[in-house]
Amino acid sequence: MSVSRVMPVIQSKAVRESREFYGLLGFEEVMDHGWIVTLASPSTPAAQISFMTSDKTAPVTPDVSVEVDDVDAAYAAVRASGAEIVHDLRDEDWGVRRFFVRDPNGRVINVLSHR
């Protein structure tokens, strides 16, 4: 399994203001679902940051997203380790398959693959 992207997710009530602020640093909007906005560097597209009001389909807002090439393998490895699954593996309407796991620091990690 390989990791293609790691992205911080900031829970925010100031999504518009965050978009404008990070625009000053060169980020551009690459996704807006209304409840989550993702900004990326035009020169390094994998350098991304997201701002989320709250997660649309999960019970908590994740702290970090980790995109992997095989989310099913990641899920199997995490379950076998005994780590806490916060949001079970599922296909989402916006084209990702994902699950949430709590890391040893208590942070919620959104592990995903695009379908």
PDB file of N, CA and C in Angstrom:
ATOM      1  N   MET A   1       0.856  -1.175   0.000  1.00  0.00           N
ATOM      2  CA  MET A   1       0.000   0.000   0.000  1.00  0.00           C
ATOM      3  C   MET A   1       0.897   1.232   0.000  1.00  0.00           C
ATOM      4  N   SER A   2       0.486   2.251  -0.749  1.00  0.00           N
ATOM      5  CA  SER A   2       1.266   3.490  -0.773  1.00  0.00           C
ATOM      6  C   SER A   2       0.369   4.688  -0.463  1.00  0.00           C
ATOM      7  N   VAL A   3       0.991   5.713   0.089  1.00  0.00           N
ATOM      8  CA  VAL A   3       0.304   6.952   0.438  1.00  0.00           C
ATOM      9  C   VAL A   3       0.535   7.957  -0.681  1.00  0.00           C
ATOM     10  N   SER A   4      -0.546   8.572  -1.167  1.00  0.00           N
ATOM     11  CA  SER A   4      -0.393   9.559  -2.233  1.00  0.00           C
ATOM     12  C   SER A   4      -0.580  10.992  -1.749  1.00  0.00           C
ATOM     13  N   ARG A   5      -1.190  11.145  -0.553  1.00  0.00           N
ATOM     14  CA  ARG A   5      -1.447  12.510  -0.086  1.00  0.00           C
ATOM     15  C   ARG A   5      -1.785  12.479   1.395  1.00  0.00           C
ATOM     16  N   VAL A   6      -1.291  13.471   2.122  1.00  0.00           N
ATOM     17  CA  VAL A   6      -1.668  13.691   3.516  1.00  0.00           C
ATOM     18  C   VAL A   6      -2.116  15.137   3.612  1.00  0.00           C
ATOM     19  N   MET A   7      -3.307  15.357   4.189  1.00  0.00           N
ATOM     20  CA  MET A   7      -3.885  16.690   4.175  1.00  0.00           C
ATOM     21  C   MET A   7      -4.497  17.018   5.537  1.00  0.00           C
ATOM     22  N   PRO A   8      -4.093  18.131   6.156  1.00  0.00           N
ATOM     23  CA  PRO A   8      -4.760  18.553   7.380  1.00  0.00           C
ATOM     24  C   PRO A   8      -6.202  18.975   7.092  1.00  0.00           C
ATOM     25  N   VAL A   9      -7.077  18.690   8.046  1.00  0.00           N
ATOM     26  CA  VAL A   9      -8.479  19.091   7.957  1.00  0.00           C
ATOM     27  C   VAL A   9      -8.765  19.961   9.176  1.00  0.00           C
ATOM     28  N   ILE A  10      -9.156  21.194   8.935  1.00  0.00           N
ATOM     29  CA  ILE A  10      -9.411  22.135  10.028  1.00  0.00           C
ATOM     30  C   ILE A  10     -10.906  22.369  10.125  1.00  0.00           C
ATOM     31  N   GLN A  11     -11.478  22.033  11.289  1.00  0.00           N
ATOM     32  CA  GLN A  11     -12.892  22.330  11.505  1.00  0.00           C
ATOM     33  C   GLN A  11     -13.014  23.840  11.662  1.00  0.00           C
ATOM     34  N   SER A  12     -13.946  24.436  10.912  1.00  0.00           N
ATOM     35  CA  SER A  12     -13.988  25.889  10.840  1.00  0.00           C
ATOM     36  C   SER A  12     -15.400  26.418  10.667  1.00  0.00           C
ATOM     37  N   LYS A  13     -15.652  27.549  11.304  1.00  0.00           N
ATOM     38  CA  LYS A  13     -16.879  28.305  11.054  1.00  0.00           C
ATOM     39  C   LYS A  13     -16.560  29.504  10.159  1.00  0.00           C
ATOM     40  N   ALA A  14     -15.308  29.577   9.710  1.00  0.00           N
ATOM     41  CA  ALA A  14     -14.848  30.696   8.881  1.00  0.00           C
ATOM     42  C   ALA A  14     -14.241  30.161   7.583  1.00  0.00           C
ATOM     43  N   VAL A  15     -15.004  29.336   6.876  1.00  0.00           N
ATOM     44  CA  VAL A  15     -14.488  28.702   5.660  1.00  0.00           C
ATOM     45  C   VAL A  15     -14.167  29.750   4.593  1.00  0.00           C
ATOM     46  N   ARG A  16     -15.075  30.676   4.359  1.00  0.00           N
ATOM     47  CA  ARG A  16     -14.843  31.712   3.336  1.00  0.00           C
ATOM     48  C   ARG A  16     -13.607  32.535   3.675  1.00  0.00           C
ATOM     49  N   GLU A  17     -13.499  32.945   4.919  1.00  0.00           N
ATOM     50  CA  GLU A  17     -12.352  33.739   5.343  1.00  0.00           C
ATOM     51  C   GLU A  17     -11.053  32.938   5.238  1.00  0.00           C
ATOM     52  N   SER A  18     -11.124  31.644   5.546  1.00  0.00           N
ATOM     53  CA  SER A  18      -9.943  30.781   5.430  1.00  0.00           C
ATOM     54  C   SER A  18      -9.516  30.640   3.979  1.00  0.00           C
ATOM     55  N   ARG A  19     -10.496  30.486   3.078  1.00  0.00           N
ATOM     56  CA  ARG A  19     -10.197  30.409   1.647  1.00  0.00           C
ATOM     57  C   ARG A  19      -9.454  31.665   1.205  1.00  0.00           C
ATOM     58  N   GLU A  20      -9.939  32.821   1.638  1.00  0.00           N
ATOM     59  CA  GLU A  20      -9.296  34.087   1.266  1.00  0.00           C
ATOM     60  C   GLU A  20      -7.897  34.206   1.865  1.00  0.00           C
ATOM     61  N   PHE A  21      -7.753  33.856   3.138  1.00  0.00           N
ATOM     62  CA  PHE A  21      -6.453  33.961   3.803  1.00  0.00           C
ATOM     63  C   PHE A  21      -5.418  33.062   3.134  1.00  0.00           C
ATOM     64  N   TYR A  22      -5.753  31.791   2.940  1.00  0.00           N
ATOM     65  CA  TYR A  22      -4.798  30.861   2.342  1.00  0.00           C
ATOM     66  C   TYR A  22      -4.557  31.171   0.871  1.00  0.00           C
ATOM     67  N   GLY A  23      -5.493  31.874   0.233  1.00  0.00           N
ATOM     68  CA  GLY A  23      -5.266  32.382  -1.118  1.00  0.00           C
ATOM     69  C   GLY A  23      -4.097  33.353  -1.156  1.00  0.00           C
ATOM     70  N   LEU A  24      -3.924  34.110  -0.063  1.00  0.00           N
ATOM     71  CA  LEU A  24      -2.790  35.026   0.030  1.00  0.00           C
ATOM     72  C   LEU A  24      -1.462  34.276   0.005  1.00  0.00           C
ATOM     73  N   LEU A  25      -1.488  33.011   0.408  1.00  0.00           N
ATOM     74  CA  LEU A  25      -0.278  32.183   0.434  1.00  0.00           C
ATOM     75  C   LEU A  25      -0.117  31.376  -0.848  1.00  0.00           C
ATOM     76  N   GLY A  26      -1.021  31.569  -1.803  1.00  0.00           N
ATOM     77  CA  GLY A  26      -0.901  30.906  -3.095  1.00  0.00           C
ATOM     78  C   GLY A  26      -1.804  29.707  -3.307  1.00  0.00           C
ATOM     79  N   PHE A  27      -2.615  29.365  -2.323  1.00  0.00           N
ATOM     80  CA  PHE A  27      -3.527  28.228  -2.476  1.00  0.00           C
ATOM     81  C   PHE A  27      -4.724  28.613  -3.336  1.00  0.00           C
ATOM     82  N   GLU A  28      -5.246  27.645  -4.085  1.00  0.00           N
ATOM     83  CA  GLU A  28      -6.443  27.836  -4.903  1.00  0.00           C
ATOM     84  C   GLU A  28      -7.454  26.751  -4.569  1.00  0.00           C
ATOM     85  N   GLU A  29      -8.729  27.089  -4.671  1.00  0.00           N
ATOM     86  CA  GLU A  29      -9.792  26.127  -4.393  1.00  0.00           C
ATOM     87  C   GLU A  29      -9.806  25.029  -5.454  1.00  0.00           C
ATOM     88  N   VAL A  30      -9.826  23.780  -4.996  1.00  0.00           N
ATOM     89  CA  VAL A  30      -9.921  22.643  -5.910  1.00  0.00           C
ATOM     90  C   VAL A  30     -11.181  21.818  -5.666  1.00  0.00           C
ATOM     91  N   MET A  31     -11.870  22.060  -4.529  1.00  0.00           N
ATOM     92  CA  MET A  31     -13.105  21.342  -4.238  1.00  0.00           C
ATOM     93  C   MET A  31     -13.936  22.158  -3.253  1.00  0.00           C
ATOM     94  N   ASP A  32     -15.233  22.196  -3.489  1.00  0.00           N
ATOM     95  CA  ASP A  32     -16.168  22.833  -2.561  1.00  0.00           C
ATOM     96  C   ASP A  32     -17.469  22.055  -2.587  1.00  0.00           C
ATOM     97  N   HIS A  33     -17.726  21.320  -1.496  1.00  0.00           N
ATOM     98  CA  HIS A  33     -18.972  20.561  -1.370  1.00  0.00           C
ATOM     99  C   HIS A  33     -19.975  21.288  -0.464  1.00  0.00           C
ATOM    100  N   GLY A  34     -19.676  22.512  -0.110  1.00  0.00           N
ATOM    101  CA  GLY A  34     -20.555  23.258   0.783  1.00  0.00           C
ATOM    102  C   GLY A  34     -20.165  23.075   2.233  1.00  0.00           C
ATOM    103  N   TRP A  35     -19.923  21.868   2.677  1.00  0.00           N
ATOM    104  CA  TRP A  35     -19.535  21.578   4.059  1.00  0.00           C
ATOM    105  C   TRP A  35     -18.028  21.343   4.202  1.00  0.00           C
ATOM    106  N   ILE A  36     -17.339  21.168   3.065  1.00  0.00           N
ATOM    107  CA  ILE A  36     -15.879  21.043   3.052  1.00  0.00           C
ATOM    108  C   ILE A  36     -15.338  21.747   1.811  1.00  0.00           C
ATOM    109  N   VAL A  37     -14.258  22.509   2.031  1.00  0.00           N
ATOM    110  CA  VAL A  37     -13.561  23.190   0.947  1.00  0.00           C
ATOM    111  C   VAL A  37     -12.105  22.745   1.020  1.00  0.00           C
ATOM    112  N   THR A  38     -11.546  22.370  -0.139  1.00  0.00           N
ATOM    113  CA  THR A  38     -10.140  21.982  -0.200  1.00  0.00           C
ATOM    114  C   THR A  38      -9.399  22.962  -1.089  1.00  0.00           C
ATOM    115  N   LEU A  39      -8.246  23.399  -0.590  1.00  0.00           N
ATOM    116  CA  LEU A  39      -7.370  24.310  -1.322  1.00  0.00           C
ATOM    117  C   LEU A  39      -6.078  23.569  -1.628  1.00  0.00           C
ATOM    118  N   ALA A  40      -5.469  23.890  -2.764  1.00  0.00           N
ATOM    119  CA  ALA A  40      -4.222  23.232  -3.159  1.00  0.00           C
ATOM    120  C   ALA A  40      -3.263  24.246  -3.750  1.00  0.00           C
ATOM    121  N   SER A  41      -1.999  23.884  -3.727  1.00  0.00           N
ATOM    122  CA  SER A  41      -0.963  24.672  -4.385  1.00  0.00           C
ATOM    123  C   SER A  41      -1.004  24.361  -5.876  1.00  0.00           C
ATOM    124  N   PRO A  42      -1.097  25.369  -6.734  1.00  0.00           N
ATOM    125  CA  PRO A  42      -1.096  25.110  -8.174  1.00  0.00           C
ATOM    126  C   PRO A  42       0.195  24.451  -8.659  1.00  0.00           C
ATOM    127  N   SER A  43       1.313  24.758  -8.023  1.00  0.00           N
ATOM    128  CA  SER A  43       2.594  24.202  -8.457  1.00  0.00           C
ATOM    129  C   SER A  43       2.865  22.811  -7.871  1.00  0.00           C
ATOM    130  N   THR A  44       2.235  22.499  -6.736  1.00  0.00           N
ATOM    131  CA  THR A  44       2.393  21.196  -6.084  1.00  0.00           C
ATOM    132  C   THR A  44       0.999  20.729  -5.658  1.00  0.00           C
ATOM    133  N   PRO A  45       0.218  20.169  -6.576  1.00  0.00           N
ATOM    134  CA  PRO A  45      -1.192  19.873  -6.310  1.00  0.00           C
ATOM    135  C   PRO A  45      -1.471  18.977  -5.101  1.00  0.00           C
ATOM    136  N   ALA A  46      -0.514  18.148  -4.705  1.00  0.00           N
ATOM    137  CA  ALA A  46      -0.734  17.291  -3.535  1.00  0.00           C
ATOM    138  C   ALA A  46      -0.583  18.058  -2.222  1.00  0.00           C
ATOM    139  N   ALA A  47      -0.056  19.290  -2.267  1.00  0.00           N
ATOM    140  CA  ALA A  47       0.032  20.139  -1.078  1.00  0.00           C
ATOM    141  C   ALA A  47      -1.335  20.781  -0.884  1.00  0.00           C
ATOM    142  N   GLN A  48      -2.105  20.240   0.051  1.00  0.00           N
ATOM    143  CA  GLN A  48      -3.498  20.653   0.216  1.00  0.00           C
ATOM    144  C   GLN A  48      -3.839  20.881   1.683  1.00  0.00           C
ATOM    145  N   ILE A  49      -4.916  21.623   1.880  1.00  0.00           N
ATOM    146  CA  ILE A  49      -5.489  21.847   3.198  1.00  0.00           C
ATOM    147  C   ILE A  49      -6.999  21.951   3.014  1.00  0.00           C
ATOM    148  N   SER A  50      -7.750  21.381   3.957  1.00  0.00           N
ATOM    149  CA  SER A  50      -9.209  21.448   3.883  1.00  0.00           C
ATOM    150  C   SER A  50      -9.774  22.146   5.107  1.00  0.00           C
ATOM    151  N   PHE A  51     -10.915  22.794   4.902  1.00  0.00           N
ATOM    152  CA  PHE A  51     -11.678  23.448   5.967  1.00  0.00           C
ATOM    153  C   PHE A  51     -13.074  22.861   5.928  1.00  0.00           C
ATOM    154  N   MET A  52     -13.552  22.406   7.080  1.00  0.00           N
ATOM    155  CA  MET A  52     -14.816  21.685   7.145  1.00  0.00           C
ATOM    156  C   MET A  52     -15.680  22.238   8.274  1.00  0.00           C
ATOM    157  N   THR A  53     -16.942  22.497   7.951  1.00  0.00           N
ATOM    158  CA  THR A  53     -17.859  22.921   9.004  1.00  0.00           C
ATOM    159  C   THR A  53     -18.169  21.744   9.918  1.00  0.00           C
ATOM    160  N   SER A  54     -18.535  20.614   9.348  1.00  0.00           N
ATOM    161  CA  SER A  54     -18.706  19.336  10.024  1.00  0.00           C
ATOM    162  C   SER A  54     -18.820  18.289   8.940  1.00  0.00           C
ATOM    163  N   ASP A  55     -18.486  17.053   9.279  1.00  0.00           N
ATOM    164  CA  ASP A  55     -18.512  16.009   8.261  1.00  0.00           C
ATOM    165  C   ASP A  55     -19.944  15.641   7.918  1.00  0.00           C
ATOM    166  N   LYS A  56     -20.229  15.501   6.642  1.00  0.00           N
ATOM    167  CA  LYS A  56     -21.588  15.249   6.156  1.00  0.00           C
ATOM    168  C   LYS A  56     -22.124  13.881   6.576  1.00  0.00           C
ATOM    169  N   THR A  57     -21.278  12.849   6.605  1.00  0.00           N
ATOM    170  CA  THR A  57     -21.784  11.502   6.848  1.00  0.00           C
ATOM    171  C   THR A  57     -21.145  10.789   8.033  1.00  0.00           C
ATOM    172  N   ALA A  58     -20.257  11.448   8.742  1.00  0.00           N
ATOM    173  CA  ALA A  58     -19.566  10.805   9.860  1.00  0.00           C
ATOM    174  C   ALA A  58     -19.919  11.492  11.176  1.00  0.00           C
ATOM    175  N   PRO A  59     -19.737  10.775  12.277  1.00  0.00           N
ATOM    176  CA  PRO A  59     -20.119  11.337  13.583  1.00  0.00           C
ATOM    177  C   PRO A  59     -19.154  12.386  14.116  1.00  0.00           C
ATOM    178  N   VAL A  60     -17.959  12.479  13.558  1.00  0.00           N
ATOM    179  CA  VAL A  60     -16.957  13.449  14.007  1.00  0.00           C
ATOM    180  C   VAL A  60     -16.275  14.062  12.789  1.00  0.00           C
ATOM    181  N   THR A  61     -15.592  15.166  13.014  1.00  0.00           N
ATOM    182  CA  THR A  61     -14.788  15.794  11.969  1.00  0.00           C
ATOM    183  C   THR A  61     -13.363  15.271  12.104  1.00  0.00           C
ATOM    184  N   PRO A  62     -12.770  14.761  11.016  1.00  0.00           N
ATOM    185  CA  PRO A  62     -11.404  14.253  11.120  1.00  0.00           C
ATOM    186  C   PRO A  62     -10.394  15.394  11.260  1.00  0.00           C
ATOM    187  N   ASP A  63      -9.215  15.034  11.768  1.00  0.00           N
ATOM    188  CA  ASP A  63      -8.124  15.998  11.911  1.00  0.00           C
ATOM    189  C   ASP A  63      -7.197  15.979  10.701  1.00  0.00           C
ATOM    190  N   VAL A  64      -7.085  14.819  10.074  1.00  0.00           N
ATOM    191  CA  VAL A  64      -6.163  14.617   8.958  1.00  0.00           C
ATOM    192  C   VAL A  64      -6.805  13.638   7.981  1.00  0.00           C
ATOM    193  N   SER A  65      -6.568  13.849   6.693  1.00  0.00           N
ATOM    194  CA  SER A  65      -6.944  12.870   5.673  1.00  0.00           C
ATOM    195  C   SER A  65      -5.675  12.259   5.107  1.00  0.00           C
ATOM    196  N   VAL A  66      -5.693  10.940   4.940  1.00  0.00           N
ATOM    197  CA  VAL A  66      -4.577  10.220   4.336  1.00  0.00           C
ATOM    198  C   VAL A  66      -5.145   9.435   3.165  1.00  0.00           C
ATOM    199  N   GLU A  67      -4.702   9.783   1.959  1.00  0.00           N
ATOM    200  CA  GLU A  67      -5.154   9.068   0.768  1.00  0.00           C
ATOM    201  C   GLU A  67      -4.177   7.946   0.469  1.00  0.00           C
ATOM    202  N   VAL A  68      -4.705   6.733   0.331  1.00  0.00           N
ATOM    203  CA  VAL A  68      -3.896   5.554   0.040  1.00  0.00           C
ATOM    204  C   VAL A  68      -4.389   4.913  -1.253  1.00  0.00           C
ATOM    205  N   ASP A  69      -3.561   4.053  -1.828  1.00  0.00           N
ATOM    206  CA  ASP A  69      -3.965   3.415  -3.079  1.00  0.00           C
ATOM    207  C   ASP A  69      -4.902   2.231  -2.846  1.00  0.00           C
ATOM    208  N   ASP A  70      -4.955   1.688  -1.625  1.00  0.00           N
ATOM    209  CA  ASP A  70      -5.815   0.531  -1.330  1.00  0.00           C
ATOM    210  C   ASP A  70      -6.427   0.692   0.058  1.00  0.00           C
ATOM    211  N   VAL A  71      -7.569   1.367   0.121  1.00  0.00           N
ATOM    212  CA  VAL A  71      -8.206   1.642   1.408  1.00  0.00           C
ATOM    213  C   VAL A  71      -8.696   0.353   2.077  1.00  0.00           C
ATOM    214  N   ASP A  72      -9.049  -0.658   1.301  1.00  0.00           N
ATOM    215  CA  ASP A  72      -9.488  -1.929   1.896  1.00  0.00           C
ATOM    216  C   ASP A  72      -8.343  -2.612   2.641  1.00  0.00           C
ATOM    217  N   ALA A  73      -7.141  -2.574   2.069  1.00  0.00           N
ATOM    218  CA  ALA A  73      -5.978  -3.139   2.741  1.00  0.00           C
ATOM    219  C   ALA A  73      -5.643  -2.340   4.000  1.00  0.00           C
ATOM    220  N   ALA A  74      -5.738  -1.022   3.919  1.00  0.00           N
ATOM    221  CA  ALA A  74      -5.479  -0.177   5.088  1.00  0.00           C
ATOM    222  C   ALA A  74      -6.477  -0.483   6.193  1.00  0.00           C
ATOM    223  N   TYR A  75      -7.744  -0.631   5.815  1.00  0.00           N
ATOM    224  CA  TYR A  75      -8.790  -0.935   6.791  1.00  0.00           C
ATOM    225  C   TYR A  75      -8.514  -2.270   7.480  1.00  0.00           C
ATOM    226  N   ALA A  76      -8.153  -3.275   6.687  1.00  0.00           N
ATOM    227  CA  ALA A  76      -7.857  -4.595   7.252  1.00  0.00           C
ATOM    228  C   ALA A  76      -6.681  -4.521   8.227  1.00  0.00           C
ATOM    229  N   ALA A  77      -5.633  -3.789   7.868  1.00  0.00           N
ATOM    230  CA  ALA A  77      -4.459  -3.659   8.734  1.00  0.00           C
ATOM    231  C   ALA A  77      -4.797  -2.929  10.029  1.00  0.00           C
ATOM    232  N   VAL A  78      -5.574  -1.864   9.924  1.00  0.00           N
ATOM    233  CA  VAL A  78      -5.942  -1.081  11.102  1.00  0.00           C
ATOM    234  C   VAL A  78      -6.848  -1.899  12.024  1.00  0.00           C
ATOM    235  N   ARG A  79      -7.823  -2.580  11.461  1.00  0.00           N
ATOM    236  CA  ARG A  79      -8.709  -3.437  12.284  1.00  0.00           C
ATOM    237  C   ARG A  79      -7.920  -4.518  12.996  1.00  0.00           C
ATOM    238  N   ALA A  80      -6.990  -5.158  12.269  1.00  0.00           N
ATOM    239  CA  ALA A  80      -6.184  -6.222  12.867  1.00  0.00           C
ATOM    240  C   ALA A  80      -5.315  -5.703  14.009  1.00  0.00           C
ATOM    241  N   SER A  81      -4.957  -4.410  13.954  1.00  0.00           N
ATOM    242  CA  SER A  81      -4.119  -3.832  15.007  1.00  0.00           C
ATOM    243  C   SER A  81      -4.894  -3.568  16.294  1.00  0.00           C
ATOM    244  N   GLY A  82      -6.214  -3.549  16.193  1.00  0.00           N
ATOM    245  CA  GLY A  82      -7.034  -3.247  17.361  1.00  0.00           C
ATOM    246  C   GLY A  82      -7.306  -1.767  17.562  1.00  0.00           C
ATOM    247  N   ALA A  83      -6.857  -0.916  16.644  1.00  0.00           N
ATOM    248  CA  ALA A  83      -7.108   0.523  16.756  1.00  0.00           C
ATOM    249  C   ALA A  83      -8.612   0.795  16.673  1.00  0.00           C
ATOM    250  N   GLU A  84      -9.032   1.890  17.277  1.00  0.00           N
ATOM    251  CA  GLU A  84     -10.452   2.249  17.311  1.00  0.00           C
ATOM    252  C   GLU A  84     -10.931   2.769  15.957  1.00  0.00           C
ATOM    253  N   ILE A  85     -11.874   2.063  15.366  1.00  0.00           N
ATOM    254  CA  ILE A  85     -12.520   2.520  14.141  1.00  0.00           C
ATOM    255  C   ILE A  85     -13.639   3.474  14.575  1.00  0.00           C
ATOM    256  N   VAL A  86     -13.551   4.716  14.143  1.00  0.00           N
ATOM    257  CA  VAL A  86     -14.507   5.750  14.540  1.00  0.00           C
ATOM    258  C   VAL A  86     -15.679   5.815  13.561  1.00  0.00           C
ATOM    259  N   HIS A  87     -15.406   5.526  12.303  1.00  0.00           N
ATOM    260  CA  HIS A  87     -16.418   5.577  11.232  1.00  0.00           C
ATOM    261  C   HIS A  87     -16.081   4.426  10.293  1.00  0.00           C
ATOM    262  N   ASP A  88     -17.000   3.490  10.147  1.00  0.00           N
ATOM    263  CA  ASP A  88     -16.726   2.262   9.407  1.00  0.00           C
ATOM    264  C   ASP A  88     -16.490   2.514   7.917  1.00  0.00           C
ATOM    265  N   LEU A  89     -15.813   1.595   7.272  1.00  0.00           N
ATOM    266  CA  LEU A  89     -15.501   1.668   5.847  1.00  0.00           C
ATOM    267  C   LEU A  89     -16.779   1.758   5.027  1.00  0.00           C
ATOM    268  N   ARG A  90     -16.823   2.735   4.114  1.00  0.00           N
ATOM    269  CA  ARG A  90     -18.002   2.915   3.273  1.00  0.00           C
ATOM    270  C   ARG A  90     -17.666   3.704   2.018  1.00  0.00           C
ATOM    271  N   ASP A  91     -18.507   3.524   1.014  1.00  0.00           N
ATOM    272  CA  ASP A  91     -18.424   4.309  -0.214  1.00  0.00           C
ATOM    273  C   ASP A  91     -19.261   5.565  -0.041  1.00  0.00           C
ATOM    274  N   GLU A  92     -18.688   6.709  -0.406  1.00  0.00           N
ATOM    275  CA  GLU A  92     -19.392   7.980  -0.284  1.00  0.00           C
ATOM    276  C   GLU A  92     -19.875   8.453  -1.653  1.00  0.00           C
ATOM    277  N   ASP A  93     -20.935   9.250  -1.654  1.00  0.00           N
ATOM    278  CA  ASP A  93     -21.539   9.749  -2.891  1.00  0.00           C
ATOM    279  C   ASP A  93     -20.588  10.591  -3.735  1.00  0.00           C
ATOM    280  N   TRP A  94     -19.585  11.199  -3.118  1.00  0.00           N
ATOM    281  CA  TRP A  94     -18.688  12.101  -3.845  1.00  0.00           C
ATOM    282  C   TRP A  94     -17.454  11.380  -4.395  1.00  0.00           C
ATOM    283  N   GLY A  95     -17.490  10.049  -4.463  1.00  0.00           N
ATOM    284  CA  GLY A  95     -16.468   9.310  -5.190  1.00  0.00           C
ATOM    285  C   GLY A  95     -15.284   8.803  -4.393  1.00  0.00           C
ATOM    286  N   VAL A  96     -15.408   8.719  -3.081  1.00  0.00           N
ATOM    287  CA  VAL A  96     -14.331   8.142  -2.285  1.00  0.00           C
ATOM    288  C   VAL A  96     -14.858   6.956  -1.484  1.00  0.00           C
ATOM    289  N   ARG A  97     -13.945   6.077  -1.116  1.00  0.00           N
ATOM    290  CA  ARG A  97     -14.222   4.991  -0.175  1.00  0.00           C
ATOM    291  C   ARG A  97     -13.343   5.325   1.023  1.00  0.00           C
ATOM    292  N   ARG A  98     -13.920   5.328   2.229  1.00  0.00           N
ATOM    293  CA  ARG A  98     -13.157   5.820   3.372  1.00  0.00           C
ATOM    294  C   ARG A  98     -13.605   5.212   4.683  1.00  0.00           C
ATOM    295  N   PHE A  99     -12.750   5.379   5.685  1.00  0.00           N
ATOM    296  CA  PHE A  99     -13.077   5.067   7.077  1.00  0.00           C
ATOM    297  C   PHE A  99     -12.290   6.025   7.960  1.00  0.00           C
ATOM    298  N   PHE A 100     -12.706   6.145   9.223  1.00  0.00           N
ATOM    299  CA  PHE A 100     -11.998   6.970  10.196  1.00  0.00           C
ATOM    300  C   PHE A 100     -11.429   6.051  11.270  1.00  0.00           C
ATOM    301  N   VAL A 101     -10.216   6.355  11.708  1.00  0.00           N
ATOM    302  CA  VAL A 101      -9.572   5.634  12.794  1.00  0.00           C
ATOM    303  C   VAL A 101      -8.957   6.654  13.751  1.00  0.00           C
ATOM    304  N   ARG A 102      -8.927   6.303  15.042  1.00  0.00           N
ATOM    305  CA  ARG A 102      -8.305   7.181  16.033  1.00  0.00           C
ATOM    306  C   ARG A 102      -6.850   6.756  16.207  1.00  0.00           C
ATOM    307  N   ASP A 103      -5.919   7.709  16.075  1.00  0.00           N
ATOM    308  CA  ASP A 103      -4.498   7.386  16.222  1.00  0.00           C
ATOM    309  C   ASP A 103      -4.111   7.376  17.706  1.00  0.00           C
ATOM    310  N   PRO A 104      -2.883   6.980  18.059  1.00  0.00           N
ATOM    311  CA  PRO A 104      -2.480   6.909  19.466  1.00  0.00           C
ATOM    312  C   PRO A 104      -2.524   8.254  20.194  1.00  0.00           C
ATOM    313  N   ASN A 105      -2.577   9.369  19.461  1.00  0.00           N
ATOM    314  CA  ASN A 105      -2.660  10.694  20.073  1.00  0.00           C
ATOM    315  C   ASN A 105      -4.091  11.161  20.268  1.00  0.00           C
ATOM    316  N   GLY A 106      -5.057  10.326  19.870  1.00  0.00           N
ATOM    317  CA  GLY A 106      -6.460  10.692  19.991  1.00  0.00           C
ATOM    318  C   GLY A 106      -6.995  11.433  18.779  1.00  0.00           C
ATOM    319  N   ARG A 107      -6.177  11.637  17.759  1.00  0.00           N
ATOM    320  CA  ARG A 107      -6.599  12.340  16.542  1.00  0.00           C
ATOM    321  C   ARG A 107      -7.377  11.392  15.631  1.00  0.00           C
ATOM    322  N   VAL A 108      -8.374  11.935  14.964  1.00  0.00           N
ATOM    323  CA  VAL A 108      -9.188  11.138  14.050  1.00  0.00           C
ATOM    324  C   VAL A 108      -8.617  11.287  12.648  1.00  0.00           C
ATOM    325  N   ILE A 109      -8.297  10.151  12.037  1.00  0.00           N
ATOM    326  CA  ILE A 109      -7.685  10.107  10.714  1.00  0.00           C
ATOM    327  C   ILE A 109      -8.701   9.562   9.717  1.00  0.00           C
ATOM    328  N   ASN A 110      -8.951  10.329   8.655  1.00  0.00           N
ATOM    329  CA  ASN A 110      -9.805   9.919   7.553  1.00  0.00           C
ATOM    330  C   ASN A 110      -8.909   9.220   6.534  1.00  0.00           C
ATOM    331  N   VAL A 111      -9.075   7.912   6.377  1.00  0.00           N
ATOM    332  CA  VAL A 111      -8.270   7.147   5.430  1.00  0.00           C
ATOM    333  C   VAL A 111      -9.152   6.878   4.212  1.00  0.00           C
ATOM    334  N   LEU A 112      -8.658   7.232   3.009  1.00  0.00           N
ATOM    335  CA  LEU A 112      -9.513   7.170   1.840  1.00  0.00           C
ATOM    336  C   LEU A 112      -8.765   6.761   0.578  1.00  0.00           C
ATOM    337  N   SER A 113      -9.541   6.304  -0.381  1.00  0.00           N
ATOM    338  CA  SER A 113      -9.100   6.107  -1.764  1.00  0.00           C
ATOM    339  C   SER A 113     -10.201   6.658  -2.653  1.00  0.00           C
ATOM    340  N   HIS A 114      -9.798   7.231  -3.772  1.00  0.00           N
ATOM    341  CA  HIS A 114     -10.791   7.646  -4.759  1.00  0.00           C
ATOM    342  C   HIS A 114     -11.220   6.410  -5.536  1.00  0.00           C
ATOM    343  N   ARG A 115     -12.512   6.331  -5.868  1.00  0.00           N
ATOM    344  CA  ARG A 115     -13.012   5.187  -6.638  1.00  0.00           C
ATOM    345  C   ARG A 115     -12.860   5.469  -8.105  1.00  0.00           C
TER     346      ARG A 115
END
